[in-house]
Amino acid sequence: MLTIPDLTLLFMVVVSGLAIAFVYMLHELEPRLARLRQRGERVLRDRIR
């Protein structure tokens, strides 16, 4: 049986892992989002002309 300190440590490890995964996901998505943003600006600029 896990004691309270063991459960707390397990919870902290799980939350830390999820936070790291979230930051990594944002790090991987940012270049793609920047390209999409540039493409969208180009389309809007072409429509204005």
N, C-alpha and C. Protein backbone atom coordinates (compact mmCIF):
# COMPACT_ATOMS: atom_id res chain seq x y z
N MET A 1 0.84 -1.19 0.00
CA MET A 1 0.00 0.00 0.00
C MET A 1 0.88 1.24 0.00
N LEU A 2 0.47 2.23 -0.80
CA LEU A 2 1.23 3.47 -0.87
C LEU A 2 0.86 4.39 0.29
N THR A 3 1.88 5.00 0.85
CA THR A 3 1.63 5.95 1.94
C THR A 3 1.34 7.33 1.34
N ILE A 4 0.93 8.25 2.18
CA ILE A 4 0.60 9.60 1.72
C ILE A 4 1.80 10.28 1.05
N PRO A 5 3.00 10.23 1.63
CA PRO A 5 4.14 10.84 0.93
C PRO A 5 4.41 10.19 -0.44
N ASP A 6 4.24 8.88 -0.54
CA ASP A 6 4.44 8.20 -1.81
C ASP A 6 3.41 8.66 -2.85
N LEU A 7 2.17 8.79 -2.44
CA LEU A 7 1.12 9.25 -3.34
C LEU A 7 1.37 10.69 -3.78
N THR A 8 1.85 11.51 -2.86
CA THR A 8 2.15 12.90 -3.19
C THR A 8 3.26 12.97 -4.22
N LEU A 9 4.31 12.19 -4.03
CA LEU A 9 5.41 12.16 -4.98
C LEU A 9 4.94 11.65 -6.34
N LEU A 10 4.12 10.62 -6.34
CA LEU A 10 3.59 10.09 -7.59
C LEU A 10 2.75 11.14 -8.31
N PHE A 11 1.92 11.85 -7.57
CA PHE A 11 1.09 12.91 -8.14
C PHE A 11 1.97 14.01 -8.74
N MET A 12 3.02 14.40 -8.02
CA MET A 12 3.92 15.44 -8.51
C MET A 12 4.64 15.00 -9.79
N VAL A 13 5.02 13.74 -9.86
CA VAL A 13 5.69 13.23 -11.05
C VAL A 13 4.73 13.23 -12.24
N VAL A 14 3.50 12.82 -12.01
CA VAL A 14 2.51 12.79 -13.09
C VAL A 14 2.22 14.21 -13.59
N VAL A 15 2.02 15.14 -12.69
CA VAL A 15 1.72 16.52 -13.07
C VAL A 15 2.92 17.14 -13.79
N SER A 16 4.12 16.87 -13.30
CA SER A 16 5.32 17.39 -13.95
C SER A 16 5.46 16.82 -15.36
N GLY A 17 5.19 15.55 -15.52
CA GLY A 17 5.27 14.93 -16.84
C GLY A 17 4.26 15.54 -17.81
N LEU A 18 3.05 15.78 -17.33
CA LEU A 18 2.04 16.41 -18.18
C LEU A 18 2.44 17.83 -18.55
N ALA A 19 3.02 18.57 -17.61
CA ALA A 19 3.45 19.93 -17.90
C ALA A 19 4.57 19.93 -18.94
N ILE A 20 5.52 19.01 -18.81
CA ILE A 20 6.62 18.93 -19.77
C ILE A 20 6.08 18.54 -21.15
N ALA A 21 5.13 17.62 -21.19
CA ALA A 21 4.55 17.23 -22.47
C ALA A 21 3.81 18.40 -23.12
N PHE A 22 3.13 19.20 -22.34
CA PHE A 22 2.40 20.35 -22.86
C PHE A 22 3.36 21.39 -23.43
N VAL A 23 4.44 21.67 -22.71
CA VAL A 23 5.43 22.65 -23.18
C VAL A 23 6.10 22.13 -24.45
N TYR A 24 6.41 20.86 -24.51
CA TYR A 24 7.03 20.27 -25.70
C TYR A 24 6.07 20.36 -26.90
N MET A 25 4.79 20.10 -26.65
CA MET A 25 3.80 20.20 -27.72
C MET A 25 3.74 21.62 -28.27
N LEU A 26 3.73 22.62 -27.38
CA LEU A 26 3.71 24.01 -27.84
C LEU A 26 4.99 24.34 -28.60
N HIS A 27 6.11 23.81 -28.14
CA HIS A 27 7.39 24.05 -28.81
C HIS A 27 7.39 23.47 -30.22
N GLU A 28 6.77 22.33 -30.40
CA GLU A 28 6.72 21.70 -31.72
C GLU A 28 5.69 22.37 -32.64
N LEU A 29 4.61 22.87 -32.08
CA LEU A 29 3.55 23.47 -32.89
C LEU A 29 3.84 24.91 -33.30
N GLU A 30 4.68 25.62 -32.56
CA GLU A 30 4.88 27.04 -32.80
C GLU A 30 5.36 27.35 -34.22
N PRO A 31 6.35 26.64 -34.78
CA PRO A 31 6.76 26.97 -36.16
C PRO A 31 5.63 26.77 -37.18
N ARG A 32 4.84 25.73 -37.00
CA ARG A 32 3.73 25.50 -37.93
C ARG A 32 2.68 26.60 -37.82
N LEU A 33 2.41 27.02 -36.59
CA LEU A 33 1.43 28.09 -36.40
C LEU A 33 1.95 29.40 -37.00
N ALA A 34 3.26 29.65 -36.88
CA ALA A 34 3.83 30.87 -37.45
C ALA A 34 3.70 30.84 -38.97
N ARG A 35 3.95 29.68 -39.59
CA ARG A 35 3.81 29.59 -41.04
C ARG A 35 2.36 29.83 -41.46
N LEU A 36 1.42 29.24 -40.73
CA LEU A 36 0.01 29.45 -41.06
C LEU A 36 -0.38 30.91 -40.90
N ARG A 37 0.15 31.56 -39.87
CA ARG A 37 -0.14 32.97 -39.64
C ARG A 37 0.39 33.81 -40.80
N GLN A 38 1.61 33.52 -41.25
CA GLN A 38 2.18 34.26 -42.38
C GLN A 38 1.36 34.03 -43.64
N ARG A 39 0.94 32.80 -43.87
CA ARG A 39 0.15 32.48 -45.05
C ARG A 39 -1.18 33.23 -45.01
N GLY A 40 -1.78 33.29 -43.83
CA GLY A 40 -3.04 34.01 -43.69
C GLY A 40 -2.89 35.49 -43.95
N GLU A 41 -1.78 36.08 -43.48
CA GLU A 41 -1.53 37.50 -43.72
C GLU A 41 -1.33 37.75 -45.21
N ARG A 42 -0.66 36.83 -45.89
CA ARG A 42 -0.42 36.98 -47.32
C ARG A 42 -1.75 36.95 -48.07
N VAL A 43 -2.65 36.05 -47.69
CA VAL A 43 -3.96 35.96 -48.36
C VAL A 43 -4.74 37.24 -48.12
N LEU A 44 -4.74 37.74 -46.90
CA LEU A 44 -5.47 38.98 -46.61
C LEU A 44 -4.87 40.15 -47.39
N ARG A 45 -3.54 40.21 -47.48
CA ARG A 45 -2.88 41.30 -48.20
C ARG A 45 -3.25 41.25 -49.68
N ASP A 46 -3.31 40.03 -50.26
CA ASP A 46 -3.66 39.89 -51.66
C ASP A 46 -5.11 40.28 -51.92
N ARG A 47 -5.99 40.03 -50.97
CA ARG A 47 -7.40 40.38 -51.15
C ARG A 47 -7.60 41.89 -51.13
N ILE A 48 -6.79 42.58 -50.35
CA ILE A 48 -6.95 44.03 -50.23
C ILE A 48 -6.55 44.71 -51.54
N ARG A 49 -5.53 44.20 -52.21
CA ARG A 49 -5.05 44.81 -53.47
C ARG A 49 -6.01 44.67 -54.59
